Amino acid sequence: MRRYLVAQGLLIALAMAIGSWIGCETSGDHVDGASDSDSDNDSDSDGDGDDDDDNDDGFEDDDDDDDDNDDTDTSGKTLSYLWVANTDDLNRGTVSKVDSKALKEVGRYYTVTCDSQPGTSGCVDVNGSTITAAHEHTPSRTAVDFNMDVWVANRNLDGGQPSATKIAADPLDCIDRNNNGKIDTSADNNGDGKITTDCNGDGKADDINTQCSGNLAGKAPEFLGYDDECVLFTVNYGQPNDIARSVCLDSGKSIVGASDAWVGTYWSPEKGHGPNKYYKLDGNTGKTLATVTMPDGHHAYGCTADAHHIIWSTDIGYYNTTVAGNLTYFQALPPYAVGKVMRGGNTGGKPSWIGANGKYRHYGICTDPSAHIWLGGINSEWVLRYKPNRASFDTLGQGTWTRIDMPSGFRTRGVAADLRGKVWVAIQKGHILRLDQSIGDGVHDKGNAQKGGPVPDEGNTLPKKSAPVLIPGKRGCRHHSA
């Protein structure tokens, strides 16, 4: 399974998408049976991680259109989409569906729907709670499930109700709500590689009844607003004025089809609502299946699910300077036990590490194929790895931390791990950093990171003992979760 890392800068988003799910601010990675680890533990015989040998080691080629293979799963669903949260788009917030092979936008959607309960008057979620559609929902975190559908968390930064919405990737999974015998959904109808949201030039976002003009005259609108039948449902969670940041997926009842989603609140204590919480949402209905309370001092900024049904939640420790960043964990299945709050270096009575900014910060999060946890560090300018002690749930917090210090000014944001022994890190200055998952335990100074060329692939390899490689991009990985 691939996990796609989404960045606002499409160039960086595409590069980070190698072997990854979604999330450059991230952190909404879905991992089940795959986690990050870093070293020279490459899958191929020559040690360069390219898997260009003839061994039957379970790694397929990249499907980069130079063979006869398609980027589809066993159900025939395409795997080559990126989903990008557009925080302020249309003063509401949207999500773009991007064909990562053709480099074209093929769909765009509002991040709430008023039709979660067909036949109900007004705009409500799956539980009948009110949704204010005409509101800036500020979507951010995204995660893709086993059905290739996307979940998006709506932060509601300017006050409002946090929510999560599920959008179907395949029209076959959408709902013909108006019973016209077809699925009405966003599409690039004129083939120009972008979705037009105002096809008649009236200054308003289109809907299903818009009559297009210009180069879309006679065609259906490309953006259908709240009439889009592939926006499946919305569910409110937390309390009004909470901030919603993290979303990640566990396999739910099976390893195929819809995945159950976990969504967390970030700012509940500061709003007088008590500790932050995670909510488990049914992958098919959106109904809340469980609520898990986080330890005091933990703000759910991003999360990842490992292959052992453990949810790992990271706190940036950025917006409230009295609280340092931290990592915690809990069970994704009953009894939903919660672990302790941890920080790198903070073992055996030792204080936690101090970053380049004089503080301890986290950012993006993912797991690798060895079920190790990787973290960006924003202005602490590091990448952290945590190897849990998996002897029991109680020992998960007694693992081993590794710190990889970056060159001065390199703010590390989104992280993603591939299946070839590499971790990819988005650098705010407009680069992508590649690390080996199998790097040794301890503290490493990588201040000599070298600037590289295009994303390495077959025929464009790098010495396996080289310094971390920086891949330049046109724009940095904009943090659209601020």
Protein backbone atom coordinates (compact mmCIF):
# COMPACT_ATOMS: atom_id res chain seq x y z
CA MET A 1 0.00 0.00 0.00
CA ARG A 2 1.16 3.50 -0.76
CA ARG A 3 0.84 6.45 1.52
CA TYR A 4 0.64 9.86 -0.12
CA LEU A 5 2.13 12.96 1.45
CA VAL A 6 0.28 16.09 0.41
CA ALA A 7 1.94 19.48 0.27
CA GLN A 8 0.49 22.77 -0.89
CA GLY A 9 3.33 23.07 -3.38
CA LEU A 10 2.40 20.42 -5.96
CA LEU A 11 6.00 19.74 -6.96
CA ILE A 12 6.89 18.86 -3.40
CA ALA A 13 3.64 16.96 -2.97
CA LEU A 14 4.44 14.75 -5.93
CA ALA A 15 8.01 14.12 -4.85
CA MET A 16 6.93 13.32 -1.31
CA ALA A 17 4.29 10.95 -2.64
CA ILE A 18 6.87 8.32 -3.57
CA GLY A 19 5.73 5.28 -1.62
CA SER A 20 3.59 7.34 0.72
CA TRP A 21 0.01 8.09 1.69
CA ILE A 22 -1.32 11.53 2.37
CA GLY A 23 -0.23 14.31 4.69
CA CYS A 24 2.57 17.07 4.54
CA GLU A 25 1.35 18.88 7.22
CA THR A 26 0.31 15.81 7.91
CA SER A 27 0.30 13.74 9.62
CA GLY A 28 -2.64 11.98 8.68
CA ASP A 29 -0.82 9.01 7.38
CA HIS A 30 -2.48 5.62 7.26
CA VAL A 31 -0.23 2.71 7.93
CA ASP A 32 -1.40 -0.80 8.49
CA GLY A 33 1.22 -3.43 8.09
CA ALA A 34 3.79 -0.85 6.99
CA SER A 35 5.84 1.51 9.11
CA ASP A 36 9.00 3.60 8.81
CA SER A 37 12.54 2.58 9.62
CA ASP A 38 15.75 4.03 8.36
CA SER A 39 19.06 2.48 7.42
CA ASP A 40 20.79 0.76 4.59
CA ASN A 41 18.34 -2.07 4.95
CA ASP A 42 17.40 -1.74 1.31
CA SER A 43 15.17 -4.15 -0.54
CA ASP A 44 17.47 -4.68 -3.48
CA SER A 45 20.67 -6.64 -3.86
CA ASP A 46 22.95 -3.72 -4.74
CA GLY A 47 22.08 -1.69 -1.68
CA ASP A 48 20.81 1.43 -3.39
CA GLY A 49 17.16 0.94 -2.58
CA ASP A 50 16.06 0.85 -6.20
CA ASP A 51 14.93 -2.76 -6.35
CA ASP A 52 16.31 -3.17 -9.85
CA ASP A 53 17.31 -6.77 -9.31
CA ASP A 54 15.48 -9.90 -10.32
CA ASN A 55 14.74 -11.09 -6.81
CA ASP A 56 11.16 -11.94 -5.97
CA ASP A 57 11.15 -9.77 -2.87
CA GLY A 58 7.61 -8.48 -3.10
CA PHE A 59 8.47 -5.00 -4.36
CA GLU A 60 6.87 -3.97 -7.61
CA ASP A 61 8.12 -1.40 -10.09
CA ASP A 62 7.01 2.20 -9.82
CA ASP A 63 4.42 2.06 -12.60
CA ASP A 64 5.80 5.21 -14.17
CA ASP A 65 4.25 4.50 -17.56
CA ASP A 66 7.26 2.66 -18.97
CA ASP A 67 5.61 -0.73 -18.65
CA ASP A 68 2.24 -2.33 -19.09
CA ASN A 69 1.19 -2.20 -15.45
CA ASP A 70 -1.52 0.07 -14.08
CA ASP A 71 -1.59 1.87 -10.74
CA THR A 72 -4.62 -0.04 -9.52
CA ASP A 73 -5.38 -2.25 -6.56
CA THR A 74 -7.02 -5.66 -6.73
CA SER A 75 -10.46 -4.07 -7.05
CA GLY A 76 -9.37 -2.05 -10.09
CA LYS A 77 -9.39 1.28 -8.23
CA THR A 78 -6.70 3.73 -9.27
CA LEU A 79 -3.93 4.44 -6.76
CA SER A 80 -2.47 7.47 -8.47
CA TYR A 81 -4.42 10.31 -6.84
CA LEU A 82 -3.14 13.02 -4.56
CA TRP A 83 -5.62 14.81 -2.33
CA VAL A 84 -4.70 18.39 -1.43
CA ALA A 85 -6.52 20.42 1.23
CA ASN A 86 -7.07 24.02 0.04
CA THR A 87 -7.59 25.77 3.36
CA ASP A 88 -9.07 29.11 2.26
CA ASP A 89 -10.42 28.25 -1.19
CA LEU A 90 -13.76 29.92 -2.02
CA ASN A 91 -13.85 31.24 1.56
CA ARG A 92 -15.05 27.81 2.65
CA GLY A 93 -12.17 25.41 2.09
CA THR A 94 -11.97 22.66 -0.54
CA VAL A 95 -10.06 19.50 -1.38
CA SER A 96 -8.48 18.95 -4.80
CA LYS A 97 -8.17 15.51 -6.38
CA VAL A 98 -5.00 15.41 -8.48
CA ASP A 99 -3.91 12.77 -10.98
CA SER A 100 -0.31 12.35 -9.88
CA LYS A 101 0.77 10.77 -13.18
CA ALA A 102 -0.83 13.28 -15.56
CA LEU A 103 -0.19 16.18 -13.10
CA LYS A 104 -3.74 17.43 -13.55
CA GLU A 105 -6.49 18.42 -11.15
CA VAL A 106 -9.43 16.12 -11.86
CA GLY A 107 -11.85 17.09 -9.09
CA ARG A 108 -12.52 19.66 -6.39
CA TYR A 109 -14.97 19.44 -3.52
CA TYR A 110 -16.27 21.41 -0.57
CA THR A 111 -15.22 19.71 2.66
CA VAL A 112 -18.70 19.44 4.18
CA THR A 113 -21.98 18.13 2.83
CA CYS A 114 -25.51 19.01 3.91
CA ASP A 115 -26.80 15.61 2.77
CA SER A 116 -25.41 13.24 5.39
CA GLN A 117 -29.02 12.40 6.32
CA PRO A 118 -31.08 12.24 3.11
CA GLY A 119 -34.60 13.53 3.55
CA THR A 120 -33.69 15.70 6.54
CA SER A 121 -34.37 19.41 6.20
CA GLY A 122 -31.54 21.84 6.78
CA CYS A 123 -27.80 21.19 6.73
CA VAL A 124 -26.91 18.47 9.23
CA ASP A 125 -24.23 15.86 9.86
CA VAL A 126 -24.68 12.08 10.21
CA ASN A 127 -26.08 12.56 13.72
CA GLY A 128 -28.51 15.34 12.80
CA SER A 129 -26.32 18.08 14.29
CA THR A 130 -26.30 21.42 12.51
CA ILE A 131 -23.58 22.28 9.99
CA THR A 132 -23.03 25.89 9.02
CA ALA A 133 -22.25 25.40 5.35
CA ALA A 134 -21.46 29.07 4.64
CA HIS A 135 -18.47 29.05 6.97
CA GLU A 136 -14.70 28.92 6.50
CA HIS A 137 -14.05 25.34 7.57
CA THR A 138 -10.26 25.57 7.02
CA PRO A 139 -9.62 21.93 6.04
CA SER A 140 -6.14 20.58 6.59
CA ARG A 141 -5.31 16.97 7.44
CA THR A 142 -6.20 14.29 4.90
CA ALA A 143 -5.92 10.51 4.95
CA VAL A 144 -6.73 7.84 2.34
CA ASP A 145 -8.35 4.54 3.31
CA PHE A 146 -8.12 1.04 1.85
CA ASN A 147 -11.01 1.88 -0.46
CA MET A 148 -8.95 4.80 -1.88
CA ASP A 149 -11.48 7.28 -0.45
CA VAL A 150 -10.26 10.34 1.43
CA TRP A 151 -11.05 11.69 4.87
CA VAL A 152 -10.45 15.37 5.59
CA ALA A 153 -10.49 17.15 8.95
CA ASN A 154 -12.01 20.64 9.10
CA ARG A 155 -10.18 22.70 11.70
CA ASN A 156 -12.58 25.68 11.93
CA LEU A 157 -9.80 27.98 13.06
CA ASP A 158 -11.98 31.08 13.29
CA GLY A 159 -14.52 29.54 15.62
CA GLY A 160 -17.15 27.00 14.71
CA GLN A 161 -17.71 23.27 14.85
CA PRO A 162 -14.83 20.90 14.01
CA SER A 163 -15.84 18.15 11.62
CA ALA A 164 -14.57 15.39 9.35
CA THR A 165 -15.82 14.52 5.88
CA LYS A 166 -15.39 11.46 3.69
CA ILE A 167 -15.17 11.81 -0.11
CA ALA A 168 -15.35 8.86 -2.52
CA ALA A 169 -12.57 8.49 -5.08
CA ASP A 170 -14.56 6.28 -7.45
CA PRO A 171 -17.97 7.41 -8.82
CA LEU A 172 -19.14 3.80 -8.36
CA ASP A 173 -19.01 4.48 -4.60
CA CYS A 174 -20.92 7.77 -4.78
CA ILE A 175 -24.63 8.30 -4.04
CA ASP A 176 -27.23 9.24 -6.65
CA ARG A 177 -29.11 11.53 -4.27
CA ASN A 178 -31.27 13.22 -6.92
CA ASN A 179 -32.20 9.88 -8.53
CA ASN A 180 -31.37 11.04 -12.05
CA GLY A 181 -29.65 7.77 -12.91
CA LYS A 182 -26.10 9.14 -12.88
CA ILE A 183 -23.51 10.44 -10.47
CA ASP A 184 -23.17 14.22 -10.46
CA THR A 185 -19.64 15.03 -9.36
CA SER A 186 -16.72 17.31 -10.04
CA ALA A 187 -14.69 16.59 -13.18
CA ASP A 188 -12.27 18.31 -15.57
CA ASN A 189 -14.81 18.51 -18.38
CA ASN A 190 -12.72 20.59 -20.78
CA GLY A 191 -9.48 18.68 -20.12
CA ASP A 192 -7.38 21.73 -19.22
CA GLY A 193 -5.95 20.11 -16.08
CA LYS A 194 -7.69 22.35 -13.56
CA ILE A 195 -11.15 22.64 -12.07
CA THR A 196 -13.06 25.81 -12.91
CA THR A 197 -15.23 26.87 -9.97
CA ASP A 198 -17.04 29.79 -11.65
CA CYS A 199 -17.81 28.70 -15.20
CA ASN A 200 -20.23 31.55 -16.01
CA GLY A 201 -18.18 34.38 -14.53
CA ASP A 202 -20.85 35.59 -12.11
CA GLY A 203 -18.42 35.74 -9.19
CA LYS A 204 -20.12 32.88 -7.37
CA ALA A 205 -19.09 29.28 -6.90
CA ASP A 206 -20.93 26.95 -9.25
CA ASP A 207 -23.50 24.32 -8.38
CA ILE A 208 -25.33 21.66 -10.36
CA ASN A 209 -27.71 24.21 -11.92
CA THR A 210 -25.05 26.61 -13.21
CA GLN A 211 -25.17 27.27 -16.96
CA CYS A 212 -21.56 27.57 -18.13
CA SER A 213 -20.22 29.96 -20.74
CA GLY A 214 -16.92 30.47 -22.53
CA ASN A 215 -14.86 27.32 -23.13
CA LEU A 216 -17.27 25.36 -20.95
CA ALA A 217 -20.39 26.48 -22.80
CA GLY A 218 -22.74 23.55 -23.24
CA LYS A 219 -20.84 21.46 -20.72
CA ALA A 220 -21.71 20.58 -17.15
CA PRO A 221 -20.03 22.71 -14.47
CA GLU A 222 -16.74 21.25 -13.24
CA PHE A 223 -17.42 22.20 -9.63
CA LEU A 224 -20.79 21.25 -8.15
CA GLY A 225 -20.52 22.80 -4.71
CA TYR A 226 -22.87 21.21 -2.19
CA ASP A 227 -24.57 19.19 -4.93
CA ASP A 228 -21.58 16.88 -5.43
CA GLU A 229 -22.68 13.29 -4.90
CA CYS A 230 -19.19 11.96 -4.12
CA VAL A 231 -19.00 13.94 -0.86
CA LEU A 232 -20.44 11.10 1.18
CA PHE A 233 -20.98 12.46 4.67
CA THR A 234 -19.80 14.88 7.35
CA VAL A 235 -19.62 14.24 11.07
CA ASN A 236 -19.17 16.89 13.76
CA TYR A 237 -16.92 16.07 16.70
CA GLY A 238 -15.58 17.81 19.75
CA GLN A 239 -17.28 20.99 20.89
CA PRO A 240 -17.83 24.36 19.18
CA ASN A 241 -14.64 26.44 19.13
CA ASP A 242 -12.43 23.36 19.49
CA ILE A 243 -9.77 23.05 16.80
CA ALA A 244 -9.54 19.81 14.81
CA ARG A 245 -6.13 18.89 13.45
CA SER A 246 -5.30 15.19 13.25
CA VAL A 247 -6.85 12.41 11.18
CA CYS A 248 -5.48 8.91 10.66
CA LEU A 249 -6.92 5.54 9.75
CA ASP A 250 -6.98 2.11 11.29
CA SER A 251 -8.05 -0.92 9.28
CA GLY A 252 -11.35 -1.23 11.11
CA LYS A 253 -13.05 -4.57 10.69
CA SER A 254 -10.97 -5.77 7.74
CA ILE A 255 -7.93 -4.93 5.64
CA VAL A 256 -9.99 -4.07 2.58
CA GLY A 257 -12.66 -1.45 1.96
CA ALA A 258 -13.57 1.40 4.26
CA SER A 259 -11.19 2.12 7.14
CA ASP A 260 -12.26 3.52 10.49
CA ALA A 261 -10.98 7.04 11.06
CA TRP A 262 -9.49 8.61 14.16
CA VAL A 263 -9.84 12.39 14.52
CA GLY A 264 -8.48 14.46 17.40
CA THR A 265 -8.96 17.86 19.01
CA TYR A 266 -6.08 20.23 19.59
CA TRP A 267 -7.22 23.16 21.69
CA SER A 268 -9.91 21.86 24.06
CA PRO A 269 -8.19 22.76 27.38
CA GLU A 270 -7.55 26.32 26.19
CA LYS A 271 -11.26 26.60 25.33
CA GLY A 272 -12.29 25.33 28.75
CA HIS A 273 -13.50 22.00 27.39
CA GLY A 274 -11.25 19.68 29.36
CA PRO A 275 -8.57 17.35 27.95
CA ASN A 276 -8.22 16.81 24.23
CA LYS A 277 -9.85 13.69 22.82
CA TYR A 278 -9.75 11.33 19.86
CA TYR A 279 -12.95 10.11 18.22
CA LYS A 280 -13.19 6.82 16.35
CA LEU A 281 -15.49 7.15 13.33
CA ASP A 282 -17.06 4.24 11.48
CA GLY A 283 -15.60 4.04 7.99
CA ASN A 284 -18.97 3.34 6.36
CA THR A 285 -21.35 5.57 8.30
CA GLY A 286 -19.27 8.21 10.09
CA LYS A 287 -20.93 7.34 13.38
CA THR A 288 -18.79 7.74 16.48
CA LEU A 289 -17.66 4.33 17.74
CA ALA A 290 -15.45 5.38 20.66
CA THR A 291 -13.99 8.42 22.42
CA VAL A 292 -10.52 8.33 23.98
CA THR A 293 -9.27 11.04 26.35
CA MET A 294 -5.66 12.15 25.93
CA PRO A 295 -3.20 12.70 28.81
CA ASP A 296 -3.00 16.18 30.31
CA GLY A 297 -0.69 18.41 28.31
CA HIS A 298 -1.18 16.60 25.00
CA HIS A 299 -2.59 18.51 22.02
CA ALA A 300 -3.44 16.20 19.11
CA TYR A 301 -1.60 17.76 16.18
CA GLY A 302 -1.16 14.68 13.97
CA CYS A 303 -1.43 10.92 14.20
CA THR A 304 -0.52 7.64 12.57
CA ALA A 305 -1.76 4.08 13.03
CA ASP A 306 0.73 1.23 13.10
CA ALA A 307 0.28 -2.39 12.10
CA HIS A 308 -0.36 -3.37 15.72
CA HIS A 309 -3.52 -1.24 16.07
CA ILE A 310 -1.72 1.41 18.08
CA ILE A 311 -2.45 5.08 17.35
CA TRP A 312 0.52 7.41 17.83
CA SER A 313 -0.35 11.06 18.40
CA THR A 314 2.07 13.97 18.18
CA ASP A 315 1.86 17.39 19.83
CA ILE A 316 3.80 20.18 18.12
CA GLY A 317 4.29 22.12 21.36
CA TYR A 318 4.32 25.33 19.35
CA TYR A 319 1.28 27.47 19.97
CA ASN A 320 1.36 27.17 23.73
CA THR A 321 4.96 27.85 24.70
CA THR A 322 4.45 26.52 28.24
CA VAL A 323 4.04 23.01 26.84
CA ALA A 324 6.84 21.27 24.94
CA GLY A 325 6.13 18.97 22.04
CA ASN A 326 5.42 15.38 22.96
CA LEU A 327 4.33 11.97 21.70
CA THR A 328 1.72 9.65 23.15
CA TYR A 329 -0.12 6.50 22.07
CA PHE A 330 -3.29 4.51 22.65
CA GLN A 331 -5.01 1.32 21.54
CA ALA A 332 -7.24 1.53 18.47
CA LEU A 333 -9.30 -1.41 19.77
CA PRO A 334 -11.05 -2.01 23.13
CA PRO A 335 -10.21 -1.34 25.90
CA TYR A 336 -8.60 1.75 24.22
CA ALA A 337 -5.85 1.98 26.84
CA VAL A 338 -3.81 5.21 26.78
CA GLY A 339 -0.04 5.41 27.20
CA LYS A 340 2.16 8.10 28.64
CA VAL A 341 3.49 11.38 27.23
CA MET A 342 7.06 11.05 25.92
CA ARG A 343 9.85 13.28 24.63
CA GLY A 344 13.11 12.43 22.93
CA GLY A 345 16.06 12.07 25.29
CA ASN A 346 13.76 12.22 28.30
CA THR A 347 14.62 8.79 29.72
CA GLY A 348 16.27 7.62 32.92
CA GLY A 349 15.57 10.95 34.61
CA LYS A 350 17.33 12.92 31.86
CA PRO A 351 15.77 16.12 30.50
CA SER A 352 14.36 16.09 27.00
CA TRP A 353 16.49 17.27 24.09
CA ILE A 354 16.67 20.94 23.18
CA GLY A 355 16.37 21.91 19.54
CA ALA A 356 17.97 24.68 17.49
CA ASN A 357 15.26 27.08 18.68
CA GLY A 358 15.95 26.32 22.34
CA LYS A 359 12.74 24.33 22.59
CA TYR A 360 11.42 20.82 21.97
CA ARG A 361 9.07 20.61 18.96
CA HIS A 362 7.35 17.95 16.85
CA TYR A 363 5.58 18.26 13.50
CA GLY A 364 4.66 15.62 10.87
CA ILE A 365 4.43 11.96 11.88
CA CYS A 366 4.51 8.57 10.15
CA THR A 367 5.42 4.93 10.79
CA ASP A 368 7.81 2.81 8.73
CA PRO A 369 7.80 -0.88 7.71
CA SER A 370 9.55 -1.75 10.97
CA ALA A 371 6.78 -0.05 12.99
CA HIS A 372 9.09 2.75 14.10
CA ILE A 373 7.74 6.28 14.50
CA TRP A 374 9.26 9.25 12.64
CA LEU A 375 8.68 12.90 13.46
CA GLY A 376 9.47 16.24 11.88
CA GLY A 377 10.57 18.99 14.23
CA ILE A 378 9.65 22.35 12.61
CA ASN A 379 12.01 25.03 14.07
CA SER A 380 13.77 22.57 16.38
CA GLU A 381 15.45 21.59 13.07
CA TRP A 382 15.63 17.87 13.60
CA VAL A 383 14.09 14.59 12.55
CA LEU A 384 13.30 12.15 15.37
CA ARG A 385 12.80 8.41 15.31
CA TYR A 386 11.20 6.42 18.09
CA LYS A 387 11.53 2.64 18.31
CA PRO A 388 8.82 1.35 20.66
CA ASN A 389 9.52 -1.55 22.99
CA ARG A 390 6.74 -3.87 21.86
CA ALA A 391 7.04 -6.48 24.60
CA SER A 392 3.65 -5.28 25.88
CA PHE A 393 1.42 -2.22 25.79
CA ASP A 394 2.93 -1.04 29.06
CA THR A 395 6.45 -1.11 27.60
CA LEU A 396 5.65 0.84 24.41
CA GLY A 397 6.83 4.00 26.13
CA GLN A 398 10.19 2.45 27.08
CA GLY A 399 11.68 2.49 23.60
CA THR A 400 14.69 4.13 21.98
CA TRP A 401 14.91 7.66 20.58
CA THR A 402 17.17 8.80 17.75
CA ARG A 403 17.82 12.45 16.84
CA ILE A 404 19.04 13.63 13.43
CA ASP A 405 20.05 17.30 13.49
CA MET A 406 19.61 19.31 10.30
CA PRO A 407 21.61 22.24 8.89
CA SER A 408 20.80 25.64 10.38
CA GLY A 409 17.50 27.04 9.18
CA PHE A 410 16.12 23.70 7.96
CA ARG A 411 12.65 23.48 9.44
CA THR A 412 11.47 19.89 9.08
CA ARG A 413 7.76 19.50 8.44
CA GLY A 414 5.96 16.55 6.81
CA VAL A 415 7.51 13.06 6.89
CA ALA A 416 6.72 9.85 4.96
CA ALA A 417 8.37 6.44 4.75
CA ASP A 418 8.57 4.27 1.65
CA LEU A 419 9.01 0.53 1.19
CA ARG A 420 12.61 0.83 0.03
CA GLY A 421 14.23 1.84 3.28
CA LYS A 422 13.94 5.62 2.93
CA VAL A 423 12.25 8.41 4.84
CA TRP A 424 11.28 11.59 2.98
CA VAL A 425 11.16 14.87 4.88
CA ALA A 426 9.68 18.16 3.66
CA ILE A 427 11.97 21.11 4.42
CA GLN A 428 10.31 24.52 4.69
CA LYS A 429 13.00 26.18 2.56
CA GLY A 430 11.66 24.34 -0.49
CA HIS A 431 13.51 21.03 -0.48
CA ILE A 432 12.88 17.40 0.32
CA LEU A 433 15.31 15.50 2.50
CA ARG A 434 15.92 11.76 2.06
CA LEU A 435 17.18 9.70 4.99
CA ASP A 436 17.93 6.02 5.46
CA GLN A 437 15.45 4.32 7.75
CA SER A 438 18.17 2.13 9.26
CA ILE A 439 20.32 4.95 10.58
CA GLY A 440 21.90 3.95 13.89
CA ASP A 441 20.44 4.86 17.25
CA GLY A 442 21.72 7.98 18.98
CA VAL A 443 22.31 11.60 17.94
CA HIS A 444 23.48 12.43 14.40
CA ASP A 445 24.71 15.70 12.94
CA LYS A 446 23.62 15.97 9.30
CA GLY A 447 24.65 19.57 8.80
CA ASN A 448 26.52 18.55 5.62
CA ALA A 449 23.35 17.67 3.71
CA GLN A 450 23.98 18.06 0.02
CA LYS A 451 21.70 19.50 -2.63
CA GLY A 452 20.67 16.88 -5.14
CA GLY A 453 18.87 16.80 -8.45
CA PRO A 454 15.51 15.28 -9.30
CA VAL A 455 13.88 12.65 -7.15
CA PRO A 456 16.11 9.55 -7.28
CA ASP A 457 14.70 6.58 -9.16
CA GLU A 458 15.97 3.69 -11.26
CA GLY A 459 18.87 4.98 -13.34
CA ASN A 460 19.38 7.95 -11.03
CA THR A 461 20.83 6.49 -7.88
CA LEU A 462 23.01 7.97 -5.18
CA PRO A 463 25.79 6.41 -3.12
CA LYS A 464 24.19 4.69 -0.21
CA LYS A 465 26.74 6.17 2.20
CA SER A 466 26.21 9.74 0.98
CA ALA A 467 24.93 12.56 3.12
CA PRO A 468 21.19 13.23 3.17
CA VAL A 469 20.04 14.44 -0.23
CA LEU A 470 18.08 17.66 -0.66
CA ILE A 471 15.75 17.81 -3.63
CA PRO A 472 14.89 21.42 -4.54
CA GLY A 473 11.33 22.50 -5.22
CA LYS A 474 9.71 25.70 -6.42
CA ARG A 475 7.90 26.28 -3.15
CA GLY A 476 8.24 25.01 0.37
CA CYS A 477 5.82 22.59 1.95
CA ARG A 478 3.40 25.22 3.20
CA HIS A 479 1.99 24.37 6.57
CA HIS A 480 -1.71 24.80 6.03
CA SER A 481 -2.49 23.87 9.61
CA ALA A 482 -1.36 27.04 11.29
